[in-house]
Amino acid sequence: MLSGSGKEYRPDGRLLREGSFTDGLLDGQGTVYAADGSIQYEGAFRRGVYHGQGVLFQNGAPIYSGAFRDGLAVGFGQVFHPSGQVLYTGQVYDAKPRADAFLGLSIAEVESAFSEHWQLYSCEEKTGFVYPTFGLIFVTDCPVTFRSASAEAADVVPPVQTDMAESDSAAIPAVFPGTVIAQDGGKERPMPPQPETPEGETLSPDTVHSDLVICEVLSYREPLPGTVQPPANAGRTGTHASGWREWFSACARGEALEGIQTEKTGTFVIRFRPQTMRPFVPVGEVTAEGGGIRTTTVYYEGKEQPLWYQSAVRTEAAQS
């Protein structure tokens, strides 16, 4: 069996793995190569599996760098876009953001971990910070205030025109910025720059992001990495009326639901307005608890259990 430092090759002559071997297994620092010759993993090993600090590659580009334990990318690390851009820095599980690690923390800490700009979903007393790249929604029930375009525009002071007499300025008709107007003798004079009026709502600049505590996290594409999962083929454990969780998740997936009106009120803001008279729509759920976290999994009825969303909250025991 291979022992010591060396290289192992495939039958076609391409390199398979290299590094420090013990009893035929990589043990210590080493590198594993894909069939096309590109690097698949580079870093620490223990008894043949990834263990310690290392880097995962895909088509020769790094997709994750950080901690590994018993072959799994878990702990603190960075997730990369294939272009090399850092998408996330923080706790991971299976090389994906471990979203439940942010429960009880602030949106400021979420923002510092993700490079993607959030979208805001607002419904009654709930506000969701949506990160589409990873299919995650971080929810807070803390009061969140928005600032409208009209309020922003009211703060804008129009520039004072100083290069013409008052008699000239009084005769200038209203025109769109960037156009030119005729002055005495047909001479054209460009209009001075006009202030741009922002459109739609945005998060109030007075918001203290460290005060917005994450009370729940939703995953609308796949189960939440690292959280307790219901047993395979687990039956329904209860039902509830459709509400903001269903609406947030469906909207993020580009789907529509009855009983709710949505309006894009800003570049990053979508408001949800429940209809006053809506029928009770039973939604089946499967719950599970473990590690101080309770997950609620909702599937689409009538299909082979495609995931609608999964929610995670801290249990009362964990909160106390």
Protein backbone atom coordinates (compact mmCIF):
# COMPACT_ATOMS: atom_id res chain seq x y z
CA MET A 1 0.00 0.00 0.00
CA LEU A 2 1.07 3.53 -0.73
CA SER A 3 2.96 5.10 2.16
CA GLY A 4 4.76 8.44 2.36
CA SER A 5 4.72 11.25 -0.20
CA GLY A 6 3.86 10.34 -3.77
CA LYS A 7 1.60 10.45 -6.79
CA GLU A 8 -0.97 8.00 -8.12
CA TYR A 9 -2.00 7.91 -11.79
CA ARG A 10 -5.04 6.66 -13.69
CA PRO A 11 -4.64 3.89 -16.31
CA ASP A 12 -4.69 6.57 -19.02
CA GLY A 13 -1.69 8.28 -17.43
CA ARG A 14 -3.56 11.21 -15.91
CA LEU A 15 -2.87 12.14 -12.32
CA LEU A 16 -5.46 10.82 -9.84
CA ARG A 17 -4.14 12.00 -6.48
CA GLU A 18 -0.97 13.15 -4.83
CA GLY A 19 0.22 13.99 -1.35
CA SER A 20 0.96 12.20 1.89
CA PHE A 21 -0.22 8.56 2.05
CA THR A 22 -0.72 6.18 4.98
CA ASP A 23 -1.85 2.59 4.38
CA GLY A 24 -2.91 3.46 0.85
CA LEU A 25 -5.00 6.48 1.87
CA LEU A 26 -4.28 10.18 1.70
CA ASP A 27 -3.52 11.32 5.23
CA GLY A 28 -2.32 14.89 5.72
CA GLN A 29 -2.04 17.33 2.82
CA GLY A 30 -3.03 16.15 -0.63
CA THR A 31 -4.79 16.81 -3.92
CA VAL A 32 -7.44 14.85 -5.83
CA TYR A 33 -7.93 15.31 -9.59
CA ALA A 34 -11.03 14.83 -11.75
CA ALA A 35 -11.06 12.56 -14.80
CA ASP A 36 -10.39 15.54 -17.10
CA GLY A 37 -7.23 16.40 -15.16
CA SER A 38 -8.64 19.42 -13.33
CA ILE A 39 -8.30 19.76 -9.55
CA GLN A 40 -11.26 18.39 -7.58
CA TYR A 41 -10.03 19.01 -4.03
CA GLU A 42 -6.90 20.38 -2.45
CA GLY A 43 -6.23 20.44 1.28
CA ALA A 44 -6.17 18.28 4.39
CA PHE A 45 -7.15 14.61 4.62
CA ARG A 46 -7.68 12.14 7.44
CA ARG A 47 -7.77 8.45 6.58
CA GLY A 48 -8.71 9.14 2.97
CA VAL A 49 -11.50 11.70 3.49
CA TYR A 50 -11.50 15.48 3.47
CA HIS A 51 -10.84 16.66 6.99
CA GLY A 52 -9.47 20.04 8.07
CA GLN A 53 -8.98 23.06 5.81
CA GLY A 54 -9.39 22.59 2.08
CA VAL A 55 -10.76 23.87 -1.22
CA LEU A 56 -13.39 22.26 -3.47
CA PHE A 57 -13.20 22.88 -7.22
CA GLN A 58 -15.64 22.53 -10.11
CA ASN A 59 -14.33 22.56 -13.67
CA GLY A 60 -11.07 23.89 -12.31
CA ALA A 61 -12.62 26.84 -10.44
CA PRO A 62 -12.96 26.98 -6.63
CA ILE A 63 -16.54 26.75 -5.38
CA TYR A 64 -15.84 26.40 -1.64
CA SER A 65 -12.93 27.10 0.67
CA GLY A 66 -12.96 26.38 4.37
CA ALA A 67 -13.49 23.68 6.96
CA PHE A 68 -14.22 20.00 6.32
CA ARG A 69 -15.18 17.29 8.78
CA ASP A 70 -15.32 13.58 7.91
CA GLY A 71 -15.60 14.33 4.19
CA LEU A 72 -18.27 17.02 4.50
CA ALA A 73 -17.80 20.76 4.03
CA VAL A 74 -19.08 21.93 7.40
CA GLY A 75 -18.00 24.74 9.71
CA PHE A 76 -16.72 28.15 8.65
CA GLY A 77 -15.97 28.80 5.01
CA GLN A 78 -16.59 30.74 1.81
CA VAL A 79 -18.86 29.84 -1.11
CA PHE A 80 -17.81 31.09 -4.56
CA HIS A 81 -19.53 31.79 -7.85
CA PRO A 82 -17.89 29.96 -10.79
CA SER A 83 -16.55 33.36 -11.87
CA GLY A 84 -14.55 33.53 -8.63
CA GLN A 85 -16.75 36.06 -6.81
CA VAL A 86 -17.31 35.34 -3.12
CA LEU A 87 -21.04 34.80 -2.60
CA TYR A 88 -21.08 33.93 1.10
CA THR A 89 -18.76 33.88 4.09
CA GLY A 90 -19.92 32.19 7.29
CA GLN A 91 -21.17 28.90 8.73
CA VAL A 92 -21.75 26.23 6.09
CA TYR A 93 -23.13 22.73 5.83
CA ASP A 94 -22.38 20.63 2.74
CA ALA A 95 -20.72 23.71 1.18
CA LYS A 96 -23.97 25.69 1.44
CA PRO A 97 -24.90 28.55 3.79
CA ARG A 98 -26.18 27.21 7.09
CA ALA A 99 -29.10 29.60 7.36
CA ASP A 100 -30.34 28.38 10.76
CA ALA A 101 -27.08 29.67 12.27
CA PHE A 102 -28.51 33.20 11.89
CA LEU A 103 -31.58 32.58 14.06
CA GLY A 104 -31.47 35.08 16.92
CA LEU A 105 -28.85 37.19 15.14
CA SER A 106 -29.45 40.45 13.25
CA ILE A 107 -29.99 41.26 9.60
CA ALA A 108 -26.75 43.24 9.80
CA GLU A 109 -24.90 39.95 10.38
CA VAL A 110 -26.76 38.36 7.46
CA GLU A 111 -25.81 41.27 5.20
CA SER A 112 -22.15 40.96 6.16
CA ALA A 113 -22.17 37.25 5.23
CA PHE A 114 -23.88 37.45 1.82
CA SER A 115 -22.55 39.49 -1.09
CA GLU A 116 -25.95 39.50 -2.83
CA HIS A 117 -28.33 42.41 -2.23
CA TRP A 118 -31.57 41.34 -0.57
CA GLN A 119 -35.14 41.86 -1.72
CA LEU A 120 -37.72 42.90 0.88
CA TYR A 121 -41.06 41.13 1.25
CA SER A 122 -43.46 42.92 3.62
CA CYS A 123 -46.73 41.46 4.90
CA GLU A 124 -48.47 42.93 7.93
CA GLU A 125 -46.00 42.50 10.83
CA LYS A 126 -43.53 40.26 8.98
CA THR A 127 -40.62 41.30 6.80
CA GLY A 128 -38.54 38.85 4.79
CA PHE A 129 -35.05 39.55 3.47
CA VAL A 130 -34.81 37.39 0.35
CA TYR A 131 -31.53 36.06 -1.10
CA PRO A 132 -32.50 34.44 -4.43
CA THR A 133 -29.10 32.91 -5.26
CA PHE A 134 -29.42 30.48 -2.36
CA GLY A 135 -33.24 30.39 -2.17
CA LEU A 136 -33.33 31.74 1.39
CA ILE A 137 -35.63 34.17 3.20
CA PHE A 138 -34.61 35.63 6.58
CA VAL A 139 -37.67 36.80 8.51
CA THR A 140 -37.99 39.40 11.25
CA ASP A 141 -41.05 40.50 13.20
CA CYS A 142 -39.26 43.63 14.44
CA PRO A 143 -40.82 46.92 13.22
CA VAL A 144 -39.42 47.89 9.80
CA THR A 145 -40.01 51.31 8.27
CA PHE A 146 -39.87 52.30 4.62
CA ARG A 147 -39.20 55.60 2.92
CA SER A 148 -41.28 56.59 -0.10
CA ALA A 149 -40.16 58.34 -3.26
CA SER A 150 -42.26 61.38 -2.42
CA ALA A 151 -40.47 61.77 0.90
CA GLU A 152 -37.12 61.46 -0.82
CA ALA A 153 -38.10 63.98 -3.48
CA ALA A 154 -39.21 66.46 -0.84
CA ASP A 155 -35.67 66.46 0.53
CA VAL A 156 -34.17 67.38 -2.86
CA VAL A 157 -33.40 71.09 -3.29
CA PRO A 158 -33.44 72.14 -6.98
CA PRO A 159 -30.24 73.79 -8.16
CA VAL A 160 -30.09 77.57 -8.42
CA GLN A 161 -29.53 78.84 -11.95
CA THR A 162 -26.79 81.46 -11.80
CA ASP A 163 -25.72 81.89 -15.42
CA MET A 164 -28.70 83.92 -16.65
CA ALA A 165 -30.73 86.92 -15.64
CA GLU A 166 -33.98 86.58 -13.72
CA SER A 167 -35.89 87.80 -16.77
CA ASP A 168 -34.39 85.00 -18.87
CA SER A 169 -35.08 82.29 -16.31
CA ALA A 170 -38.69 83.36 -15.88
CA ALA A 171 -39.30 82.81 -19.59
CA ILE A 172 -37.81 79.29 -19.71
CA PRO A 173 -40.53 76.70 -20.40
CA ALA A 174 -40.62 73.38 -18.57
CA VAL A 175 -38.69 70.75 -20.55
CA PHE A 176 -37.15 67.35 -19.95
CA PRO A 177 -33.58 67.28 -18.58
CA GLY A 178 -30.98 67.09 -21.30
CA THR A 179 -32.96 68.97 -23.95
CA VAL A 180 -32.03 72.42 -25.25
CA ILE A 181 -34.19 75.51 -25.56
CA ALA A 182 -34.01 78.57 -27.81
CA GLN A 183 -32.92 81.83 -26.27
CA ASP A 184 -32.57 85.35 -27.71
CA GLY A 185 -31.65 85.34 -31.38
CA GLY A 186 -32.32 81.63 -31.68
CA LYS A 187 -29.19 80.73 -29.70
CA GLU A 188 -29.55 77.39 -27.97
CA ARG A 189 -28.59 77.04 -24.35
CA PRO A 190 -28.56 73.63 -22.61
CA MET A 191 -30.70 73.15 -19.55
CA PRO A 192 -28.80 72.75 -16.27
CA PRO A 193 -28.74 69.24 -14.75
CA GLN A 194 -31.97 68.34 -12.98
CA PRO A 195 -32.14 66.29 -9.78
CA GLU A 196 -33.18 62.69 -10.33
CA THR A 197 -36.24 61.66 -8.34
CA PRO A 198 -35.91 58.14 -6.90
CA GLU A 199 -38.77 55.81 -7.68
CA GLY A 200 -40.62 53.64 -5.20
CA GLU A 201 -40.10 52.63 -1.61
CA THR A 202 -36.85 51.70 0.04
CA LEU A 203 -35.73 50.72 3.52
CA SER A 204 -35.61 53.83 5.68
CA PRO A 205 -32.06 55.19 6.03
CA ASP A 206 -32.79 55.57 9.75
CA THR A 207 -33.08 51.79 10.11
CA VAL A 208 -30.62 50.26 12.56
CA HIS A 209 -29.90 46.94 10.90
CA SER A 210 -28.36 45.47 14.04
CA ASP A 211 -31.75 45.87 15.79
CA LEU A 212 -33.64 43.68 13.28
CA VAL A 213 -33.48 40.18 14.79
CA ILE A 214 -33.99 37.09 12.64
CA CYS A 215 -36.79 35.00 14.16
CA GLU A 216 -37.31 32.52 11.31
CA VAL A 217 -35.65 31.39 8.10
CA LEU A 218 -37.29 29.85 5.02
CA SER A 219 -35.79 27.81 2.21
CA TYR A 220 -37.98 27.70 -0.89
CA ARG A 221 -35.93 25.50 -3.23
CA GLU A 222 -34.47 22.71 -1.13
CA PRO A 223 -34.33 21.62 2.53
CA LEU A 224 -32.36 23.84 4.89
CA PRO A 225 -28.79 22.49 5.06
CA GLY A 226 -27.82 21.07 8.44
CA THR A 227 -31.23 21.28 10.09
CA VAL A 228 -33.27 18.38 11.43
CA GLN A 229 -35.27 16.71 8.66
CA PRO A 230 -38.48 14.66 8.90
CA PRO A 231 -38.11 10.90 8.45
CA ALA A 232 -38.41 9.58 4.91
CA ASN A 233 -42.06 9.15 3.86
CA ALA A 234 -43.18 10.87 7.07
CA GLY A 235 -46.90 11.53 7.14
CA ARG A 236 -48.56 14.87 7.72
CA THR A 237 -48.30 16.00 11.33
CA GLY A 238 -50.76 18.89 11.05
CA THR A 239 -52.38 21.58 8.93
CA HIS A 240 -52.57 25.36 8.98
CA ALA A 241 -54.22 28.14 7.00
CA SER A 242 -52.18 29.51 4.11
CA GLY A 243 -50.38 32.70 5.09
CA TRP A 244 -47.25 34.78 4.64
CA ARG A 245 -44.90 31.78 4.54
CA GLU A 246 -46.73 30.32 1.54
CA TRP A 247 -47.00 33.74 -0.12
CA PHE A 248 -43.36 34.67 0.40
CA SER A 249 -42.13 31.31 -0.89
CA ALA A 250 -44.44 31.21 -3.91
CA CYS A 251 -43.58 34.77 -4.91
CA ALA A 252 -39.87 34.04 -4.65
CA ARG A 253 -40.39 31.07 -6.97
CA GLY A 254 -42.30 33.23 -9.45
CA GLU A 255 -45.64 31.60 -8.71
CA ALA A 256 -49.04 33.10 -7.87
CA LEU A 257 -51.42 32.28 -5.02
CA GLU A 258 -55.03 33.08 -4.36
CA GLY A 259 -56.02 35.26 -1.44
CA ILE A 260 -53.16 37.72 -1.68
CA GLN A 261 -52.32 40.81 -3.68
CA THR A 262 -48.69 41.71 -4.37
CA GLU A 263 -47.32 45.07 -5.41
CA LYS A 264 -43.76 46.00 -6.26
CA THR A 265 -43.48 49.34 -4.47
CA GLY A 266 -39.73 49.81 -4.91
CA THR A 267 -36.67 48.41 -6.62
CA PHE A 268 -36.14 45.94 -3.76
CA VAL A 269 -39.56 46.06 -2.04
CA ILE A 270 -42.67 43.91 -2.60
CA ARG A 271 -45.71 44.40 -0.38
CA PHE A 272 -48.23 41.62 0.27
CA ARG A 273 -51.82 42.67 1.00
CA PRO A 274 -54.15 39.85 2.12
CA GLN A 275 -57.71 40.09 0.86
CA THR A 276 -60.19 40.85 3.63
CA MET A 277 -62.42 37.88 2.79
CA ARG A 278 -60.43 34.79 1.92
CA PRO A 279 -61.42 31.15 2.40
CA PHE A 280 -59.55 28.82 4.69
CA VAL A 281 -57.06 26.89 2.61
CA PRO A 282 -55.68 23.92 4.54
CA VAL A 283 -51.96 23.43 4.11
CA GLY A 284 -50.43 20.14 5.23
CA GLU A 285 -47.20 20.29 7.20
CA VAL A 286 -44.58 17.94 8.59
CA THR A 287 -42.65 19.06 11.68
CA ALA A 288 -39.45 17.78 13.26
CA GLU A 289 -37.29 18.93 16.18
CA GLY A 290 -33.64 18.50 17.02
CA GLY A 291 -30.63 20.48 18.14
CA GLY A 292 -32.79 23.30 19.49
CA ILE A 293 -34.39 23.84 16.07
CA ARG A 294 -37.90 23.04 14.90
CA THR A 295 -38.44 22.64 11.16
CA THR A 296 -41.75 22.78 9.35
CA THR A 297 -41.78 21.25 5.88
CA VAL A 298 -44.58 21.97 3.41
CA TYR A 299 -45.04 20.06 0.16
CA TYR A 300 -47.30 20.71 -2.82
CA GLU A 301 -50.42 18.62 -2.47
CA GLY A 302 -51.17 16.12 -5.20
CA LYS A 303 -47.58 15.84 -6.37
CA GLU A 304 -44.79 13.46 -5.48
CA GLN A 305 -43.75 15.64 -2.54
CA PRO A 306 -41.92 18.43 -4.34
CA LEU A 307 -40.78 20.85 -1.68
CA TRP A 308 -42.77 24.06 -1.36
CA TYR A 309 -40.65 25.44 1.45
CA GLN A 310 -39.03 24.54 4.75
CA SER A 311 -39.09 26.81 7.79
CA ALA A 312 -36.75 26.79 10.78
CA VAL A 313 -37.24 28.44 14.16
CA ARG A 314 -35.56 28.04 17.50
CA THR A 315 -37.54 25.97 20.00
CA GLU A 316 -38.77 27.60 23.20
CA ALA A 317 -36.22 25.58 25.19
CA ALA A 318 -33.40 26.84 22.99
CA GLN A 319 -34.63 30.45 23.22
CA SER A 320 -34.75 30.31 27.02
